[in-house]
PDB file of N, CA and C in Angstrom:
ATOM      1  N   MET A   1      12.946 -10.573   3.143  1.00  0.00           N
ATOM      2  CA  MET A   1      12.690  -9.412   3.357  1.00  0.00           C
ATOM      3  C   MET A   1      11.432  -9.915   1.951  1.00  0.00           C
ATOM      4  N   GLY A   2      10.165  -9.998   3.098  1.00  0.00           N
ATOM      5  CA  GLY A   2       9.275  -9.921   2.219  1.00  0.00           C
ATOM      6  C   GLY A   2       8.024  -8.855   1.660  1.00  0.00           C
ATOM      7  N   LEU A   3       7.168  -8.651   1.082  1.00  0.00           N
ATOM      8  CA  LEU A   3       6.761  -7.684   0.625  1.00  0.00           C
ATOM      9  C   LEU A   3       6.351  -7.337   0.781  1.00  0.00           C
ATOM     10  N   GLU A   4       5.431  -7.772   1.912  1.00  0.00           N
ATOM     11  CA  GLU A   4       4.853  -6.582   3.474  1.00  0.00           C
ATOM     12  C   GLU A   4       5.944  -5.919   3.923  1.00  0.00           C
ATOM     13  N   ASP A   5       7.067  -6.392   4.421  1.00  0.00           N
ATOM     14  CA  ASP A   5       7.844  -5.676   5.610  1.00  0.00           C
ATOM     15  C   ASP A   5       8.535  -4.441   4.195  1.00  0.00           C
ATOM     16  N   GLN A   6       8.844  -4.938   3.027  1.00  0.00           N
ATOM     17  CA  GLN A   6       8.465  -3.774   2.257  1.00  0.00           C
ATOM     18  C   GLN A   6       7.748  -2.500   1.816  1.00  0.00           C
ATOM     19  N   ILE A   7       6.792  -3.054   2.333  1.00  0.00           N
ATOM     20  CA  ILE A   7       5.617  -1.581   1.506  1.00  0.00           C
ATOM     21  C   ILE A   7       5.627  -1.051   3.130  1.00  0.00           C
ATOM     22  N   ARG A   8       5.727  -1.714   4.699  1.00  0.00           N
ATOM     23  CA  ARG A   8       5.672  -1.085   6.003  1.00  0.00           C
ATOM     24  C   ARG A   8       7.168  -0.766   5.781  1.00  0.00           C
ATOM     25  N   ASN A   9       8.116  -0.911   5.251  1.00  0.00           N
ATOM     26  CA  ASN A   9       9.421   0.300   5.731  1.00  0.00           C
ATOM     27  C   ASN A   9       9.432   1.473   4.866  1.00  0.00           C
ATOM     28  N   ARG A  10       8.575   1.369   3.580  1.00  0.00           N
ATOM     29  CA  ARG A  10       8.975   2.570   2.659  1.00  0.00           C
ATOM     30  C   ARG A  10       8.140   3.716   3.091  1.00  0.00           C
ATOM     31  N   LEU A  11       6.578   2.648   3.726  1.00  0.00           N
ATOM     32  CA  LEU A  11       5.548   3.862   4.036  1.00  0.00           C
ATOM     33  C   LEU A  11       5.970   4.456   5.414  1.00  0.00           C
ATOM     34  N   GLU A  12       6.720   3.809   6.240  1.00  0.00           N
ATOM     35  CA  GLU A  12       7.043   4.544   7.495  1.00  0.00           C
ATOM     36  C   GLU A  12       8.140   5.429   7.505  1.00  0.00           C
ATOM     37  N   GLU A  13       9.376   4.991   6.181  1.00  0.00           N
ATOM     38  CA  GLU A  13      10.316   6.386   5.807  1.00  0.00           C
ATOM     39  C   GLU A  13       9.487   7.314   5.152  1.00  0.00           C
ATOM     40  N   ALA A  14       8.743   7.300   4.426  1.00  0.00           N
ATOM     41  CA  ALA A  14       7.902   8.448   4.070  1.00  0.00           C
ATOM     42  C   ALA A  14       7.212   9.018   4.249  1.00  0.00           C
ATOM     43  N   LEU A  15       6.285   9.048   4.587  1.00  0.00           N
ATOM     44  CA  LEU A  15       4.851   9.281   5.570  1.00  0.00           C
ATOM     45  C   LEU A  15       5.296   9.432   6.970  1.00  0.00           C
ATOM     46  N   ALA A  16       6.062   8.751   7.733  1.00  0.00           N
ATOM     47  CA  ALA A  16       5.606   8.861   9.230  1.00  0.00           C
ATOM     48  C   ALA A  16       4.932   8.532  10.002  1.00  0.00           C
ATOM     49  N   PRO A  17       3.837   7.530   9.695  1.00  0.00           N
ATOM     50  CA  PRO A  17       2.715   7.289   9.530  1.00  0.00           C
ATOM     51  C   PRO A  17       2.159   6.731  11.854  1.00  0.00           C
ATOM     52  N   THR A  18       0.694   7.419  11.664  1.00  0.00           N
ATOM     53  CA  THR A  18       0.849   7.505  13.496  1.00  0.00           C
ATOM     54  C   THR A  18       0.143   6.530  12.756  1.00  0.00           C
ATOM     55  N   GLU A  19      -0.418   5.793  12.611  1.00  0.00           N
ATOM     56  CA  GLU A  19      -1.153   4.514  12.004  1.00  0.00           C
ATOM     57  C   GLU A  19      -0.790   3.936  11.035  1.00  0.00           C
ATOM     58  N   LEU A  20      -0.284   2.488  10.924  1.00  0.00           N
ATOM     59  CA  LEU A  20       0.225   1.544   9.060  1.00  0.00           C
ATOM     60  C   LEU A  20      -0.578   0.534  10.186  1.00  0.00           C
ATOM     61  N   GLU A  21      -1.872   0.292   9.153  1.00  0.00           N
ATOM     62  CA  GLU A  21      -1.435  -1.338   8.991  1.00  0.00           C
ATOM     63  C   GLU A  21      -1.500  -1.661   7.419  1.00  0.00           C
ATOM     64  N   VAL A  22      -0.863  -2.916   6.909  1.00  0.00           N
ATOM     65  CA  VAL A  22      -0.201  -3.018   5.480  1.00  0.00           C
ATOM     66  C   VAL A  22      -1.217  -4.609   5.967  1.00  0.00           C
ATOM     67  N   ILE A  23      -2.459  -5.072   5.152  1.00  0.00           N
ATOM     68  CA  ILE A  23      -3.719  -5.820   5.328  1.00  0.00           C
ATOM     69  C   ILE A  23      -3.013  -6.384   3.431  1.00  0.00           C
ATOM     70  N   ASN A  24      -2.612  -8.157   3.753  1.00  0.00           N
ATOM     71  CA  ASN A  24      -2.747  -8.920   2.511  1.00  0.00           C
ATOM     72  C   ASN A  24      -3.616  -9.298   2.534  1.00  0.00           C
ATOM     73  N   GLU A  25      -5.066  -9.044   1.360  1.00  0.00           N
ATOM     74  CA  GLU A  25      -5.616  -9.329   1.162  1.00  0.00           C
ATOM     75  C   GLU A  25      -6.459 -10.676  -0.196  1.00  0.00           C
ATOM     76  N   SER A  26      -4.600 -11.709  -0.758  1.00  0.00           N
ATOM     77  CA  SER A  26      -4.759 -11.842  -1.394  1.00  0.00           C
ATOM     78  C   SER A  26      -5.512 -12.982  -1.537  1.00  0.00           C
ATOM     79  N   HIS A  27      -5.458 -13.412  -0.679  1.00  0.00           N
ATOM     80  CA  HIS A  27      -6.131 -15.074  -0.387  1.00  0.00           C
ATOM     81  C   HIS A  27      -7.603 -15.053  -0.796  1.00  0.00           C
ATOM     82  N   ARG A  28      -8.312 -13.351  -0.571  1.00  0.00           N
ATOM     83  CA  ARG A  28      -9.790 -13.512  -1.132  1.00  0.00           C
ATOM     84  C   ARG A  28      -9.830 -13.415  -2.430  1.00  0.00           C
ATOM     85  N   HIS A  29      -8.832 -12.936  -3.144  1.00  0.00           N
ATOM     86  CA  HIS A  29      -8.998 -13.082  -4.593  1.00  0.00           C
ATOM     87  C   HIS A  29      -7.924 -14.608  -5.426  1.00  0.00           C
ATOM     88  N   ALA A  30      -7.647 -15.344  -4.363  1.00  0.00           N
ATOM     89  CA  ALA A  30      -6.904 -16.562  -6.005  1.00  0.00           C
ATOM     90  C   ALA A  30      -7.931 -17.210  -6.317  1.00  0.00           C
ATOM     91  N   GLY A  31      -7.497 -17.170  -7.812  1.00  0.00           N
ATOM     92  CA  GLY A  31      -8.026 -17.728  -8.843  1.00  0.00           C
ATOM     93  C   GLY A  31      -8.549 -16.489  -9.423  1.00  0.00           C
ATOM     94  N   HIS A  32      -8.996 -15.692  -9.579  1.00  0.00           N
ATOM     95  CA  HIS A  32      -9.358 -14.732  -9.874  1.00  0.00           C
ATOM     96  C   HIS A  32      -8.859 -13.795 -10.573  1.00  0.00           C
ATOM     97  N   ALA A  33      -9.078 -13.027 -11.393  1.00  0.00           N
ATOM     98  CA  ALA A  33      -8.239 -12.149 -12.306  1.00  0.00           C
ATOM     99  C   ALA A  33      -6.992 -11.338 -11.652  1.00  0.00           C
ATOM    100  N   GLY A  34      -5.482 -11.696 -11.778  1.00  0.00           N
ATOM    101  CA  GLY A  34      -4.541 -10.914 -11.439  1.00  0.00           C
ATOM    102  C   GLY A  34      -3.966 -11.454 -10.529  1.00  0.00           C
ATOM    103  N   ASP A  35      -4.275 -12.527 -10.314  1.00  0.00           N
ATOM    104  CA  ASP A  35      -3.717 -12.917  -8.775  1.00  0.00           C
ATOM    105  C   ASP A  35      -2.905 -14.087  -9.857  1.00  0.00           C
ATOM    106  N   ASP A  36      -1.328 -13.570  -9.622  1.00  0.00           N
ATOM    107  CA  ASP A  36      -0.566 -13.776  -9.679  1.00  0.00           C
ATOM    108  C   ASP A  36       0.418 -15.273  -9.682  1.00  0.00           C
ATOM    109  N   GLY A  37      -0.639 -16.252  -8.296  1.00  0.00           N
ATOM    110  CA  GLY A  37      -0.142 -16.955  -7.320  1.00  0.00           C
ATOM    111  C   GLY A  37       0.881 -17.069  -6.517  1.00  0.00           C
ATOM    112  N   SER A  38       1.536 -15.663  -6.873  1.00  0.00           N
ATOM    113  CA  SER A  38       2.887 -15.396  -5.380  1.00  0.00           C
ATOM    114  C   SER A  38       2.125 -14.694  -3.643  1.00  0.00           C
ATOM    115  N   GLY A  39       0.940 -14.919  -4.153  1.00  0.00           N
ATOM    116  CA  GLY A  39       0.118 -14.225  -2.585  1.00  0.00           C
ATOM    117  C   GLY A  39       0.588 -13.353  -2.130  1.00  0.00           C
ATOM    118  N   GLU A  40       0.894 -12.396  -2.711  1.00  0.00           N
ATOM    119  CA  GLU A  40       1.357 -10.836  -2.792  1.00  0.00           C
ATOM    120  C   GLU A  40       0.694  -9.933  -3.540  1.00  0.00           C
ATOM    121  N   SER A  41      -0.564  -9.883  -3.994  1.00  0.00           N
ATOM    122  CA  SER A  41      -0.630  -9.039  -5.378  1.00  0.00           C
ATOM    123  C   SER A  41      -2.140  -8.255  -4.741  1.00  0.00           C
ATOM    124  N   HIS A  42      -2.870  -8.325  -3.891  1.00  0.00           N
ATOM    125  CA  HIS A  42      -3.587  -7.098  -3.447  1.00  0.00           C
ATOM    126  C   HIS A  42      -3.825  -7.187  -2.027  1.00  0.00           C
ATOM    127  N   TRP A  43      -3.564  -6.238  -2.093  1.00  0.00           N
ATOM    128  CA  TRP A  43      -3.491  -5.375  -0.508  1.00  0.00           C
ATOM    129  C   TRP A  43      -4.788  -4.384  -0.162  1.00  0.00           C
ATOM    130  N   HIS A  44      -4.092  -4.086   1.486  1.00  0.00           N
ATOM    131  CA  HIS A  44      -5.362  -2.703   1.684  1.00  0.00           C
ATOM    132  C   HIS A  44      -4.540  -1.948   3.181  1.00  0.00           C
ATOM    133  N   LEU A  45      -4.180  -1.097   2.372  1.00  0.00           N
ATOM    134  CA  LEU A  45      -3.116  -0.040   3.590  1.00  0.00           C
ATOM    135  C   LEU A  45      -4.183   1.195   4.532  1.00  0.00           C
ATOM    136  N   VAL A  46      -3.968   1.227   6.004  1.00  0.00           N
ATOM    137  CA  VAL A  46      -4.604   1.921   6.513  1.00  0.00           C
ATOM    138  C   VAL A  46      -3.321   2.831   6.978  1.00  0.00           C
ATOM    139  N   ILE A  47      -4.245   4.070   6.647  1.00  0.00           N
ATOM    140  CA  ILE A  47      -2.334   5.033   6.880  1.00  0.00           C
ATOM    141  C   ILE A  47      -3.335   6.345   7.728  1.00  0.00           C
ATOM    142  N   ALA A  48      -2.964   6.445   8.953  1.00  0.00           N
ATOM    143  CA  ALA A  48      -2.749   8.471   9.669  1.00  0.00           C
ATOM    144  C   ALA A  48      -2.103   8.860   9.374  1.00  0.00           C
ATOM    145  N   SER A  49      -1.257   9.750   9.134  1.00  0.00           N
ATOM    146  CA  SER A  49       0.072  10.667   8.532  1.00  0.00           C
ATOM    147  C   SER A  49      -0.409  11.833   8.667  1.00  0.00           C
ATOM    148  N   PRO A  50       0.646  12.961   9.520  1.00  0.00           N
ATOM    149  CA  PRO A  50       0.470  13.986   9.330  1.00  0.00           C
ATOM    150  C   PRO A  50       0.379  14.964   8.016  1.00  0.00           C
ATOM    151  N   ARG A  51       1.819  14.102   7.696  1.00  0.00           N
ATOM    152  CA  ARG A  51       1.385  14.515   6.014  1.00  0.00           C
ATOM    153  C   ARG A  51       0.599  14.517   5.271  1.00  0.00           C
ATOM    154  N   PHE A  52      -0.389  13.917   5.349  1.00  0.00           N
ATOM    155  CA  PHE A  52      -1.814  14.081   4.861  1.00  0.00           C
ATOM    156  C   PHE A  52      -2.743  15.379   4.674  1.00  0.00           C
ATOM    157  N   GLU A  53      -1.740  15.914   6.533  1.00  0.00           N
ATOM    158  CA  GLU A  53      -2.995  17.006   6.071  1.00  0.00           C
ATOM    159  C   GLU A  53      -2.796  18.165   5.124  1.00  0.00           C
ATOM    160  N   GLY A  54      -4.063  19.058   5.031  1.00  0.00           N
ATOM    161  CA  GLY A  54      -4.682  19.913   3.492  1.00  0.00           C
ATOM    162  C   GLY A  54      -4.489  19.359   2.456  1.00  0.00           C
ATOM    163  N   LYS A  55      -4.244  17.570   2.231  1.00  0.00           N
ATOM    164  CA  LYS A  55      -4.315  16.787   0.820  1.00  0.00           C
ATOM    165  C   LYS A  55      -5.203  16.628   0.278  1.00  0.00           C
ATOM    166  N   SER A  56      -5.662  16.669  -1.026  1.00  0.00           N
ATOM    167  CA  SER A  56      -6.900  15.671  -0.887  1.00  0.00           C
ATOM    168  C   SER A  56      -6.671  14.789  -1.716  1.00  0.00           C
ATOM    169  N   ARG A  57      -7.985  14.066  -1.537  1.00  0.00           N
ATOM    170  CA  ARG A  57      -7.525  12.503  -1.860  1.00  0.00           C
ATOM    171  C   ARG A  57      -7.165  11.748  -2.502  1.00  0.00           C
ATOM    172  N   ILE A  58      -6.908  12.664  -3.293  1.00  0.00           N
ATOM    173  CA  ILE A  58      -6.117  12.168  -4.973  1.00  0.00           C
ATOM    174  C   ILE A  58      -4.021  12.386  -3.982  1.00  0.00           C
ATOM    175  N   ALA A  59      -4.449  13.574  -4.091  1.00  0.00           N
ATOM    176  CA  ALA A  59      -2.546  13.374  -3.547  1.00  0.00           C
ATOM    177  C   ALA A  59      -2.195  12.462  -2.205  1.00  0.00           C
ATOM    178  N   ARG A  60      -3.332  11.971  -2.222  1.00  0.00           N
ATOM    179  CA  ARG A  60      -3.010  11.102  -0.932  1.00  0.00           C
ATOM    180  C   ARG A  60      -2.601   9.648  -1.227  1.00  0.00           C
ATOM    181  N   HIS A  61      -3.525   9.778  -2.358  1.00  0.00           N
ATOM    182  CA  HIS A  61      -2.610   8.410  -2.764  1.00  0.00           C
ATOM    183  C   HIS A  61      -0.971   8.527  -3.710  1.00  0.00           C
ATOM    184  N   ARG A  62      -1.517   9.474  -4.496  1.00  0.00           N
ATOM    185  CA  ARG A  62      -0.402   9.977  -5.367  1.00  0.00           C
ATOM    186  C   ARG A  62       0.915   9.531  -4.429  1.00  0.00           C
ATOM    187  N   ALA A  63       0.633  10.578  -2.944  1.00  0.00           N
ATOM    188  CA  ALA A  63       1.657  10.392  -2.258  1.00  0.00           C
ATOM    189  C   ALA A  63       2.146   8.816  -1.752  1.00  0.00           C
ATOM    190  N   VAL A  64       1.372   8.032  -2.013  1.00  0.00           N
ATOM    191  CA  VAL A  64       1.476   6.681  -1.120  1.00  0.00           C
ATOM    192  C   VAL A  64       2.802   6.083  -2.822  1.00  0.00           C
ATOM    193  N   HIS A  65       1.659   5.879  -3.575  1.00  0.00           N
ATOM    194  CA  HIS A  65       2.574   5.571  -4.168  1.00  0.00           C
ATOM    195  C   HIS A  65       3.755   5.742  -4.870  1.00  0.00           C
ATOM    196  N   ALA A  66       4.245   6.879  -4.688  1.00  0.00           N
ATOM    197  CA  ALA A  66       5.629   7.870  -4.968  1.00  0.00           C
ATOM    198  C   ALA A  66       6.289   6.746  -3.203  1.00  0.00           C
ATOM    199  N   ALA A  67       5.826   7.176  -2.210  1.00  0.00           N
ATOM    200  CA  ALA A  67       6.559   6.437  -1.608  1.00  0.00           C
ATOM    201  C   ALA A  67       6.971   4.717  -2.016  1.00  0.00           C
ATOM    202  N   LEU A  68       5.839   3.926  -2.165  1.00  0.00           N
ATOM    203  CA  LEU A  68       6.456   2.785  -2.585  1.00  0.00           C
ATOM    204  C   LEU A  68       6.885   3.035  -4.049  1.00  0.00           C
ATOM    205  N   GLY A  69       7.188   3.587  -5.046  1.00  0.00           N
ATOM    206  CA  GLY A  69       7.700   3.308  -5.985  1.00  0.00           C
ATOM    207  C   GLY A  69       7.112   2.788  -6.964  1.00  0.00           C
ATOM    208  N   PRO A  70       7.960   2.365  -8.011  1.00  0.00           N
ATOM    209  CA  PRO A  70       7.712   1.400  -9.121  1.00  0.00           C
ATOM    210  C   PRO A  70       7.727  -0.060  -8.835  1.00  0.00           C
ATOM    211  N   ASP A  71       8.887   0.005  -8.755  1.00  0.00           N
ATOM    212  CA  ASP A  71       8.887  -1.384  -8.213  1.00  0.00           C
ATOM    213  C   ASP A  71       8.584  -2.209  -7.252  1.00  0.00           C
ATOM    214  N   ILE A  72       7.592  -1.466  -5.914  1.00  0.00           N
ATOM    215  CA  ILE A  72       6.627  -2.499  -5.651  1.00  0.00           C
ATOM    216  C   ILE A  72       5.184  -2.475  -6.690  1.00  0.00           C
ATOM    217  N   MET A  73       5.330  -1.307  -6.728  1.00  0.00           N
ATOM    218  CA  MET A  73       3.974  -0.557  -7.570  1.00  0.00           C
ATOM    219  C   MET A  73       3.882  -1.654  -8.995  1.00  0.00           C
ATOM    220  N   GLY A  74       4.136  -2.485  -8.845  1.00  0.00           N
ATOM    221  CA  GLY A  74       4.754  -2.908  -9.999  1.00  0.00           C
ATOM    222  C   GLY A  74       3.934  -4.465 -10.197  1.00  0.00           C
ATOM    223  N   ARG A  75       4.533  -4.682  -8.759  1.00  0.00           N
ATOM    224  CA  ARG A  75       4.198  -6.260  -8.000  1.00  0.00           C
ATOM    225  C   ARG A  75       3.087  -6.292  -7.527  1.00  0.00           C
ATOM    226  N   ILE A  76       2.035  -5.188  -7.726  1.00  0.00           N
ATOM    227  CA  ILE A  76       1.000  -4.664  -6.620  1.00  0.00           C
ATOM    228  C   ILE A  76      -0.427  -5.787  -7.953  1.00  0.00           C
ATOM    229  N   HIS A  77      -0.917  -6.118  -7.835  1.00  0.00           N
ATOM    230  CA  HIS A  77      -2.210  -6.083  -8.552  1.00  0.00           C
ATOM    231  C   HIS A  77      -3.640  -5.098  -8.147  1.00  0.00           C
ATOM    232  N   ALA A  78      -3.661  -4.509  -7.763  1.00  0.00           N
ATOM    233  CA  ALA A  78      -5.149  -4.362  -6.606  1.00  0.00           C
ATOM    234  C   ALA A  78      -4.676  -3.837  -5.177  1.00  0.00           C
ATOM    235  N   LEU A  79      -5.119  -2.730  -5.105  1.00  0.00           N
ATOM    236  CA  LEU A  79      -4.302  -1.610  -3.906  1.00  0.00           C
ATOM    237  C   LEU A  79      -5.287  -1.046  -3.138  1.00  0.00           C
ATOM    238  N   SER A  80      -6.030  -1.175  -2.130  1.00  0.00           N
ATOM    239  CA  SER A  80      -7.138  -0.341  -1.610  1.00  0.00           C
ATOM    240  C   SER A  80      -6.147   0.661  -0.469  1.00  0.00           C
ATOM    241  N   MET A  81      -7.080   1.862  -0.238  1.00  0.00           N
ATOM    242  CA  MET A  81      -6.199   2.203   0.815  1.00  0.00           C
ATOM    243  C   MET A  81      -7.339   3.512   1.438  1.00  0.00           C
ATOM    244  N   ASP A  82      -6.717   3.366   2.619  1.00  0.00           N
ATOM    245  CA  ASP A  82      -7.950   4.359   4.081  1.00  0.00           C
ATOM    246  C   ASP A  82      -7.122   4.588   4.752  1.00  0.00           C
ATOM    247  N   LEU A  83      -7.022   6.434   3.735  1.00  0.00           N
ATOM    248  CA  LEU A  83      -5.916   7.036   3.765  1.00  0.00           C
ATOM    249  C   LEU A  83      -6.240   8.715   5.385  1.00  0.00           C
ATOM    250  N   ARG A  84      -6.000   8.900   6.055  1.00  0.00           N
ATOM    251  CA  ARG A  84      -6.428  10.031   7.377  1.00  0.00           C
ATOM    252  C   ARG A  84      -5.241  10.455   7.498  1.00  0.00           C
TER     253      ARG A  84
END
């Protein structure tokens, strides 16, 4: 299972999103700092989840990081998020 599927599975399990986009942007950073050559170093997430209601932006980001866990977060160089 590739990293994209792992990210998707963890987020679906933890956040029950009504919208989820997992976008690999690594190709846009080829040869730049943080590009480890894996093609799976830079990601953008779009997530809408009722579990974000009433939470601050920082709390939402922390929830995503917790859902992904240290094993996945340790493999990602850059992670941008649009959380609603």
